[in-house]
């Protein structure tokens, strides 16, 4: 696995960030999921942002991409 993907975390936000932003000016919306660098996750945790953090599963994502590619190839035939 590349170092870039080792450093990636999948973050699901449980609240808007930043909380005090005007409507439409939030960076992350409640319920949205984003790939985020682990250092950024640490900074967000220090600010006590409510979020769910998971490691990026490269093998599962590669397998999913292969299946999608095969489906697309079969449709074209």
Protein backbone atom coordinates (compact mmCIF):
# COMPACT_ATOMS: atom_id res chain seq x y z
CA UNK A 1 0.00 0.00 0.00
CA UNK A 2 1.29 3.42 -0.83
CA UNK A 3 2.15 5.84 1.95
CA UNK A 4 -0.46 8.25 0.65
CA UNK A 5 -3.26 5.73 1.24
CA UNK A 6 -1.82 4.70 4.63
CA UNK A 7 -2.25 8.29 5.75
CA UNK A 8 -5.87 8.52 4.60
CA UNK A 9 -8.83 8.23 6.95
CA UNK A 10 -12.50 8.04 5.97
CA UNK A 11 -14.36 10.59 8.09
CA UNK A 12 -18.13 10.86 8.51
CA UNK A 13 -19.14 14.11 10.16
CA UNK A 14 -21.83 14.03 12.84
CA UNK A 15 -22.21 17.82 12.86
CA UNK A 16 -21.55 20.71 10.49
CA UNK A 17 -18.01 22.06 10.55
CA UNK A 18 -17.42 24.81 11.47
CA UNK A 19 -20.44 24.99 13.78
CA UNK A 20 -20.67 28.78 13.73
CA UNK A 21 -20.49 29.15 9.93
CA UNK A 22 -23.31 30.87 8.07
CA UNK A 23 -25.67 28.54 6.20
CA UNK A 24 -24.05 27.47 2.95
CA UNK A 25 -20.55 28.36 4.16
CA UNK A 26 -19.80 25.12 6.05
CA UNK A 27 -16.74 23.15 4.97
CA UNK A 28 -18.18 19.77 5.95
CA UNK A 29 -21.90 19.07 6.30
CA UNK A 30 -23.49 16.77 8.86
CA UNK A 31 -23.68 13.22 7.52
CA UNK A 32 -21.15 13.77 4.73
CA UNK A 33 -18.23 11.37 4.26
CA UNK A 34 -14.79 12.49 3.09
CA UNK A 35 -11.27 11.05 2.74
CA UNK A 36 -9.05 13.16 5.00
CA UNK A 37 -5.33 13.12 5.85
CA UNK A 38 -4.66 11.76 9.34
CA UNK A 39 -2.94 14.98 10.50
CA UNK A 40 -6.06 16.95 9.58
CA UNK A 41 -8.12 14.43 11.54
CA UNK A 42 -5.90 15.04 14.57
CA UNK A 43 -6.46 18.80 14.26
CA UNK A 44 -10.22 18.32 13.98
CA UNK A 45 -10.20 16.04 17.02
CA UNK A 46 -8.30 18.71 18.97
CA UNK A 47 -11.13 21.11 18.11
CA UNK A 48 -13.58 18.48 19.45
CA UNK A 49 -15.43 18.04 16.16
CA UNK A 50 -17.95 15.21 16.34
CA UNK A 51 -17.02 12.69 13.65
CA UNK A 52 -16.60 8.98 13.00
CA UNK A 53 -13.13 8.01 11.73
CA UNK A 54 -12.23 4.79 9.89
CA UNK A 55 -9.04 3.60 8.22
CA UNK A 56 -9.09 3.53 4.42
CA UNK A 57 -9.46 -0.07 3.20
CA UNK A 58 -7.47 -0.06 -0.03
CA UNK A 59 -8.08 -3.74 -0.87
CA UNK A 60 -11.86 -3.37 -0.65
CA UNK A 61 -11.82 -0.24 -2.81
CA UNK A 62 -9.64 -1.90 -5.46
CA UNK A 63 -11.94 -4.95 -5.52
CA UNK A 64 -15.00 -2.68 -5.88
CA UNK A 65 -13.35 -0.78 -8.75
CA UNK A 66 -12.49 -4.05 -10.54
CA UNK A 67 -16.09 -5.25 -10.26
CA UNK A 68 -17.40 -1.96 -11.66
CA UNK A 69 -14.89 -2.14 -14.52
CA UNK A 70 -15.95 -5.69 -15.36
CA UNK A 71 -19.64 -4.70 -15.32
CA UNK A 72 -18.92 -1.81 -17.68
CA UNK A 73 -16.91 -4.07 -20.00
CA UNK A 74 -19.75 -6.60 -20.18
CA UNK A 75 -22.32 -3.88 -20.95
CA UNK A 76 -20.28 -2.67 -23.91
CA UNK A 77 -20.02 -6.17 -25.43
